[in-house]
Amino acid sequence: MTLNSIPTGVLIAVLITAAVIDMKRHRLPNSLTASAALLGITMQCWLLGGSGFLNGLAGFFTGLLLFLPFYAMHWMGAGDVKLMAAVGTFLGWPDSLLAVALTTGTGSIAALGLLAAQGGLTDYGRRYGLMAKCLFCTGKVAYVPPAPEESSSLLFPYALAIALGTLATLAWVGRLDPFIVTLGGFVHA
């Protein structure tokens, strides 16, 4: 296995673990997200030295700061934000920005699909229409939480969207193919 493939393999293992845990428990443990972030920074330093540390840190803050508003709007849990920050440590800058974008798109499509499948799009649209009306009329942002019986009050395992968005990023930037080739050579050896 090449040196550059090792961080990709570790990141994929973290993503699979996080997605499975989130689907089962709807909560990501701090031990997973914190250790993943430390591993990402360590691997960046191992491969790139001091510039790797700065690159991993830039990726960490990209994931953290761009996902914090989603947490503030109650669209995702704190564990999801911490997982995206940890992913950023592996990807660095600017790949972490692409991962945030692809994850956001993947998560939005999946969540809207889930709402549509459960017949909850009308209630969702009504709530956000009320929030937009409040903002337009008063200039203030007001969050209207879903009623307990609404489909949008159900928990969505966002770690799955993070995994899919990150895998798409790895493919886009060319880090997935070398990992697969290396893994294939390792398996056939």
C-alpha atoms as a PDB file:
ATOM      1  CA  MET A   1       0.000   0.000   0.000  1.00  0.00           C
ATOM      2  CA  THR A   2       1.435   3.416  -0.940  1.00  0.00           C
ATOM      3  CA  LEU A   3       1.889   6.093   1.695  1.00  0.00           C
ATOM      4  CA  ASN A   4      -0.724   8.345   0.094  1.00  0.00           C
ATOM      5  CA  SER A   5      -3.316   5.544   0.119  1.00  0.00           C
ATOM      6  CA  ILE A   6      -3.117   4.976   3.874  1.00  0.00           C
ATOM      7  CA  PRO A   7      -4.917   8.210   4.911  1.00  0.00           C
ATOM      8  CA  THR A   8      -7.600   7.526   2.300  1.00  0.00           C
ATOM      9  CA  GLY A   9      -8.126   4.022   3.698  1.00  0.00           C
ATOM     10  CA  VAL A  10      -8.296   5.297   7.267  1.00  0.00           C
ATOM     11  CA  LEU A  11     -10.765   8.015   6.236  1.00  0.00           C
ATOM     12  CA  ILE A  12     -12.984   5.466   4.469  1.00  0.00           C
ATOM     13  CA  ALA A  13     -12.920   3.255   7.583  1.00  0.00           C
ATOM     14  CA  VAL A  14     -13.923   6.247   9.739  1.00  0.00           C
ATOM     15  CA  LEU A  15     -16.768   7.108   7.348  1.00  0.00           C
ATOM     16  CA  ILE A  16     -18.124   3.554   7.302  1.00  0.00           C
ATOM     17  CA  THR A  17     -17.931   3.338  11.095  1.00  0.00           C
ATOM     18  CA  ALA A  18     -19.653   6.693  11.537  1.00  0.00           C
ATOM     19  CA  ALA A  19     -22.421   5.866   9.064  1.00  0.00           C
ATOM     20  CA  VAL A  20     -23.166   2.511  10.722  1.00  0.00           C
ATOM     21  CA  ILE A  21     -23.184   4.027  14.228  1.00  0.00           C
ATOM     22  CA  ASP A  22     -25.372   6.951  13.118  1.00  0.00           C
ATOM     23  CA  MET A  23     -27.890   4.655  11.421  1.00  0.00           C
ATOM     24  CA  LYS A  24     -28.153   2.527  14.566  1.00  0.00           C
ATOM     25  CA  ARG A  25     -27.977   5.162  17.326  1.00  0.00           C
ATOM     26  CA  HIS A  26     -28.653   8.516  15.597  1.00  0.00           C
ATOM     27  CA  ARG A  27     -25.723   9.868  17.582  1.00  0.00           C
ATOM     28  CA  LEU A  28     -21.990   9.975  16.888  1.00  0.00           C
ATOM     29  CA  PRO A  29     -19.664   9.480  19.851  1.00  0.00           C
ATOM     30  CA  ASN A  30     -17.088  12.160  20.614  1.00  0.00           C
ATOM     31  CA  SER A  31     -14.470   9.419  20.875  1.00  0.00           C
ATOM     32  CA  LEU A  32     -14.946   8.651  17.171  1.00  0.00           C
ATOM     33  CA  THR A  33     -14.955  12.230  15.897  1.00  0.00           C
ATOM     34  CA  ALA A  34     -12.093  13.414  18.127  1.00  0.00           C
ATOM     35  CA  SER A  35      -9.870  10.431  17.369  1.00  0.00           C
ATOM     36  CA  ALA A  36     -10.619  10.790  13.651  1.00  0.00           C
ATOM     37  CA  ALA A  37      -9.630  14.471  13.759  1.00  0.00           C
ATOM     38  CA  LEU A  38      -6.386  13.634  15.567  1.00  0.00           C
ATOM     39  CA  LEU A  39      -5.644  10.862  13.075  1.00  0.00           C
ATOM     40  CA  GLY A  40      -6.266  13.205  10.160  1.00  0.00           C
ATOM     41  CA  ILE A  41      -3.941  15.891  11.539  1.00  0.00           C
ATOM     42  CA  THR A  42      -1.315  13.264  12.393  1.00  0.00           C
ATOM     43  CA  MET A  43      -1.418  11.796   8.899  1.00  0.00           C
ATOM     44  CA  GLN A  44      -1.203  15.235   7.316  1.00  0.00           C
ATOM     45  CA  CYS A  45       1.915  15.929   9.413  1.00  0.00           C
ATOM     46  CA  TRP A  46       3.341  12.499   8.591  1.00  0.00           C
ATOM     47  CA  LEU A  47       2.988  13.053   4.837  1.00  0.00           C
ATOM     48  CA  LEU A  48       3.616  16.797   4.533  1.00  0.00           C
ATOM     49  CA  GLY A  49       5.324  17.936   7.743  1.00  0.00           C
ATOM     50  CA  GLY A  50       4.477  21.399   9.085  1.00  0.00           C
ATOM     51  CA  SER A  51       2.541  22.387   5.969  1.00  0.00           C
ATOM     52  CA  GLY A  52       0.436  19.249   6.483  1.00  0.00           C
ATOM     53  CA  PHE A  53      -0.465  20.416   9.975  1.00  0.00           C
ATOM     54  CA  LEU A  54      -1.654  23.759   8.601  1.00  0.00           C
ATOM     55  CA  ASN A  55      -3.482  22.044   5.737  1.00  0.00           C
ATOM     56  CA  GLY A  56      -5.254  19.664   8.136  1.00  0.00           C
ATOM     57  CA  LEU A  57      -6.138  22.532  10.448  1.00  0.00           C
ATOM     58  CA  ALA A  58      -7.543  24.548   7.522  1.00  0.00           C
ATOM     59  CA  GLY A  59      -9.652  21.531   6.528  1.00  0.00           C
ATOM     60  CA  PHE A  60     -10.837  21.098  10.121  1.00  0.00           C
ATOM     61  CA  PHE A  61     -12.037  24.697  10.375  1.00  0.00           C
ATOM     62  CA  THR A  62     -13.602  24.571   6.911  1.00  0.00           C
ATOM     63  CA  GLY A  63     -15.783  21.615   7.898  1.00  0.00           C
ATOM     64  CA  LEU A  64     -16.516  23.003  11.354  1.00  0.00           C
ATOM     65  CA  LEU A  65     -17.382  26.569  10.415  1.00  0.00           C
ATOM     66  CA  LEU A  66     -19.414  25.721   7.322  1.00  0.00           C
ATOM     67  CA  PHE A  67     -21.516  23.124   9.150  1.00  0.00           C
ATOM     68  CA  LEU A  68     -22.105  25.138  12.346  1.00  0.00           C
ATOM     69  CA  PRO A  69     -25.020  27.103  10.809  1.00  0.00           C
ATOM     70  CA  PHE A  70     -26.779  23.804  10.022  1.00  0.00           C
ATOM     71  CA  TYR A  71     -26.431  22.824  13.668  1.00  0.00           C
ATOM     72  CA  ALA A  72     -27.701  26.239  14.761  1.00  0.00           C
ATOM     73  CA  MET A  73     -30.760  25.801  12.522  1.00  0.00           C
ATOM     74  CA  HIS A  74     -31.370  22.338  14.067  1.00  0.00           C
ATOM     75  CA  TRP A  75     -30.860  20.664  10.700  1.00  0.00           C
ATOM     76  CA  MET A  76     -28.162  18.334  12.040  1.00  0.00           C
ATOM     77  CA  GLY A  77     -26.586  17.258  15.288  1.00  0.00           C
ATOM     78  CA  ALA A  78     -23.295  18.345  16.825  1.00  0.00           C
ATOM     79  CA  GLY A  79     -21.764  14.955  16.008  1.00  0.00           C
ATOM     80  CA  ASP A  80     -22.349  15.578  12.304  1.00  0.00           C
ATOM     81  CA  VAL A  81     -20.540  18.924  12.540  1.00  0.00           C
ATOM     82  CA  LYS A  82     -17.636  17.311  14.385  1.00  0.00           C
ATOM     83  CA  LEU A  83     -17.485  14.479  11.837  1.00  0.00           C
ATOM     84  CA  MET A  84     -17.307  16.970   8.952  1.00  0.00           C
ATOM     85  CA  ALA A  85     -14.513  18.815  10.768  1.00  0.00           C
ATOM     86  CA  ALA A  86     -12.671  15.515  11.241  1.00  0.00           C
ATOM     87  CA  VAL A  87     -13.105  14.697   7.551  1.00  0.00           C
ATOM     88  CA  GLY A  88     -11.598  18.100   6.796  1.00  0.00           C
ATOM     89  CA  THR A  89      -8.407  17.146   8.617  1.00  0.00           C
ATOM     90  CA  PHE A  90      -7.874  14.269   6.195  1.00  0.00           C
ATOM     91  CA  LEU A  91      -8.766  16.270   3.095  1.00  0.00           C
ATOM     92  CA  GLY A  92      -7.160  19.592   3.929  1.00  0.00           C
ATOM     93  CA  TRP A  93      -7.808  22.780   2.028  1.00  0.00           C
ATOM     94  CA  PRO A  94      -9.428  23.195  -0.540  1.00  0.00           C
ATOM     95  CA  ASP A  95     -10.690  19.608  -0.841  1.00  0.00           C
ATOM     96  CA  SER A  96     -12.614  19.988   2.426  1.00  0.00           C
ATOM     97  CA  LEU A  97     -14.604  22.819   0.819  1.00  0.00           C
ATOM     98  CA  LEU A  98     -15.598  20.514  -2.025  1.00  0.00           C
ATOM     99  CA  ALA A  99     -16.544  17.809   0.481  1.00  0.00           C
ATOM    100  CA  VAL A 100     -18.802  20.261   2.350  1.00  0.00           C
ATOM    101  CA  ALA A 101     -20.505  21.229  -0.911  1.00  0.00           C
ATOM    102  CA  LEU A 102     -20.987  17.655  -2.122  1.00  0.00           C
ATOM    103  CA  THR A 103     -22.116  16.493   1.314  1.00  0.00           C
ATOM    104  CA  THR A 104     -24.619  19.337   1.578  1.00  0.00           C
ATOM    105  CA  GLY A 105     -26.019  18.489  -1.852  1.00  0.00           C
ATOM    106  CA  THR A 106     -26.152  14.767  -1.107  1.00  0.00           C
ATOM    107  CA  GLY A 107     -27.739  15.316   2.298  1.00  0.00           C
ATOM    108  CA  SER A 108     -30.318  17.758   0.945  1.00  0.00           C
ATOM    109  CA  ILE A 109     -31.394  15.434  -1.847  1.00  0.00           C
ATOM    110  CA  ALA A 110     -31.549  12.435   0.510  1.00  0.00           C
ATOM    111  CA  ALA A 111     -33.504  14.336   3.179  1.00  0.00           C
ATOM    112  CA  LEU A 112     -35.988  15.761   0.674  1.00  0.00           C
ATOM    113  CA  GLY A 113     -36.387  12.300  -0.857  1.00  0.00           C
ATOM    114  CA  LEU A 114     -37.073  10.840   2.577  1.00  0.00           C
ATOM    115  CA  LEU A 115     -39.605  13.593   3.307  1.00  0.00           C
ATOM    116  CA  ALA A 116     -41.306  13.048  -0.060  1.00  0.00           C
ATOM    117  CA  ALA A 117     -41.469   9.285   0.517  1.00  0.00           C
ATOM    118  CA  GLN A 118     -43.153   9.897   3.874  1.00  0.00           C
ATOM    119  CA  GLY A 119     -45.503  12.578   2.543  1.00  0.00           C
ATOM    120  CA  GLY A 120     -43.954  15.352   4.639  1.00  0.00           C
ATOM    121  CA  LEU A 121     -42.941  17.892   1.977  1.00  0.00           C
ATOM    122  CA  THR A 122     -46.090  19.981   2.383  1.00  0.00           C
ATOM    123  CA  ASP A 123     -45.615  20.436   6.128  1.00  0.00           C
ATOM    124  CA  TYR A 124     -41.915  21.163   5.576  1.00  0.00           C
ATOM    125  CA  GLY A 125     -42.694  23.791   2.936  1.00  0.00           C
ATOM    126  CA  ARG A 126     -45.339  25.375   5.163  1.00  0.00           C
ATOM    127  CA  ARG A 127     -42.933  25.713   8.123  1.00  0.00           C
ATOM    128  CA  TYR A 128     -40.183  27.257   6.034  1.00  0.00           C
ATOM    129  CA  GLY A 129     -42.706  29.514   4.326  1.00  0.00           C
ATOM    130  CA  LEU A 130     -43.679  30.829   7.772  1.00  0.00           C
ATOM    131  CA  MET A 131     -40.032  31.401   8.646  1.00  0.00           C
ATOM    132  CA  ALA A 132     -39.463  33.278   5.362  1.00  0.00           C
ATOM    133  CA  LYS A 133     -42.592  35.381   5.969  1.00  0.00           C
ATOM    134  CA  CYS A 134     -41.352  36.275   9.463  1.00  0.00           C
ATOM    135  CA  LEU A 135     -37.959  37.264   8.082  1.00  0.00           C
ATOM    136  CA  PHE A 136     -39.517  39.335   5.310  1.00  0.00           C
ATOM    137  CA  CYS A 137     -42.062  41.101   7.546  1.00  0.00           C
ATOM    138  CA  THR A 138     -39.964  41.653  10.686  1.00  0.00           C
ATOM    139  CA  GLY A 139     -36.362  41.315   9.541  1.00  0.00           C
ATOM    140  CA  LYS A 140     -35.839  38.674  12.247  1.00  0.00           C
ATOM    141  CA  VAL A 141     -34.979  35.024  11.829  1.00  0.00           C
ATOM    142  CA  ALA A 142     -37.336  32.743  13.722  1.00  0.00           C
ATOM    143  CA  TYR A 143     -37.050  28.969  13.659  1.00  0.00           C
ATOM    144  CA  VAL A 144     -40.340  27.075  13.640  1.00  0.00           C
ATOM    145  CA  PRO A 145     -39.658  23.524  14.866  1.00  0.00           C
ATOM    146  CA  PRO A 146     -41.565  20.636  13.338  1.00  0.00           C
ATOM    147  CA  ALA A 147     -44.509  19.204  15.218  1.00  0.00           C
ATOM    148  CA  PRO A 148     -43.702  15.831  16.840  1.00  0.00           C
ATOM    149  CA  GLU A 149     -45.923  14.016  14.338  1.00  0.00           C
ATOM    150  CA  GLU A 150     -44.297  15.627  11.256  1.00  0.00           C
ATOM    151  CA  SER A 151     -41.977  13.553   9.077  1.00  0.00           C
ATOM    152  CA  SER A 152     -39.282  16.229   9.322  1.00  0.00           C
ATOM    153  CA  SER A 153     -39.050  15.673  13.080  1.00  0.00           C
ATOM    154  CA  LEU A 154     -37.625  12.203  12.408  1.00  0.00           C
ATOM    155  CA  LEU A 155     -33.880  11.769  12.815  1.00  0.00           C
ATOM    156  CA  PHE A 156     -31.821  11.491   9.655  1.00  0.00           C
ATOM    157  CA  PRO A 157     -28.428   9.735   9.853  1.00  0.00           C
ATOM    158  CA  TYR A 158     -26.424  12.560   8.271  1.00  0.00           C
ATOM    159  CA  ALA A 159     -23.146  10.649   8.643  1.00  0.00           C
ATOM    160  CA  LEU A 160     -24.304   8.668   5.614  1.00  0.00           C
ATOM    161  CA  ALA A 161     -24.534  11.888   3.583  1.00  0.00           C
ATOM    162  CA  ILE A 162     -21.098  12.922   4.868  1.00  0.00           C
ATOM    163  CA  ALA A 163     -19.712   9.550   3.789  1.00  0.00           C
ATOM    164  CA  LEU A 164     -21.240   9.803   0.315  1.00  0.00           C
ATOM    165  CA  GLY A 165     -20.161  13.428  -0.164  1.00  0.00           C
ATOM    166  CA  THR A 166     -16.638  12.623   0.996  1.00  0.00           C
ATOM    167  CA  LEU A 167     -16.366   9.555  -1.242  1.00  0.00           C
ATOM    168  CA  ALA A 168     -17.512  11.705  -4.173  1.00  0.00           C
ATOM    169  CA  THR A 169     -14.832  14.238  -3.228  1.00  0.00           C
ATOM    170  CA  LEU A 170     -12.147  11.552  -3.055  1.00  0.00           C
ATOM    171  CA  ALA A 171     -13.191  10.352  -6.519  1.00  0.00           C
ATOM    172  CA  TRP A 172     -13.325  13.915  -7.891  1.00  0.00           C
ATOM    173  CA  VAL A 173      -9.823  14.849  -6.686  1.00  0.00           C
ATOM    174  CA  GLY A 174      -8.330  11.539  -7.800  1.00  0.00           C
ATOM    175  CA  ARG A 175      -7.601   9.978  -4.414  1.00  0.00           C
ATOM    176  CA  LEU A 176     -10.089   7.113  -4.644  1.00  0.00           C
ATOM    177  CA  ASP A 177      -8.718   5.351  -7.745  1.00  0.00           C
ATOM    178  CA  PRO A 178      -5.143   4.942  -6.412  1.00  0.00           C
ATOM    179  CA  PHE A 179      -6.569   3.609  -3.138  1.00  0.00           C
ATOM    180  CA  ILE A 180      -8.726   1.051  -4.973  1.00  0.00           C
ATOM    181  CA  VAL A 181      -5.810  -0.016  -7.184  1.00  0.00           C
ATOM    182  CA  THR A 182      -3.541  -0.332  -4.131  1.00  0.00           C
ATOM    183  CA  LEU A 183      -6.210  -2.232  -2.208  1.00  0.00           C
ATOM    184  CA  GLY A 184      -6.775  -4.534  -5.177  1.00  0.00           C
ATOM    185  CA  GLY A 185      -3.056  -5.291  -5.384  1.00  0.00           C
ATOM    186  CA  PHE A 186      -2.964  -5.930  -1.661  1.00  0.00           C
ATOM    187  CA  VAL A 187      -5.926  -8.326  -1.802  1.00  0.00           C
ATOM    188  CA  HIS A 188      -4.549 -10.269  -4.780  1.00  0.00           C
ATOM    189  CA  ALA A 189      -1.033 -10.583  -3.350  1.00  0.00           C
END
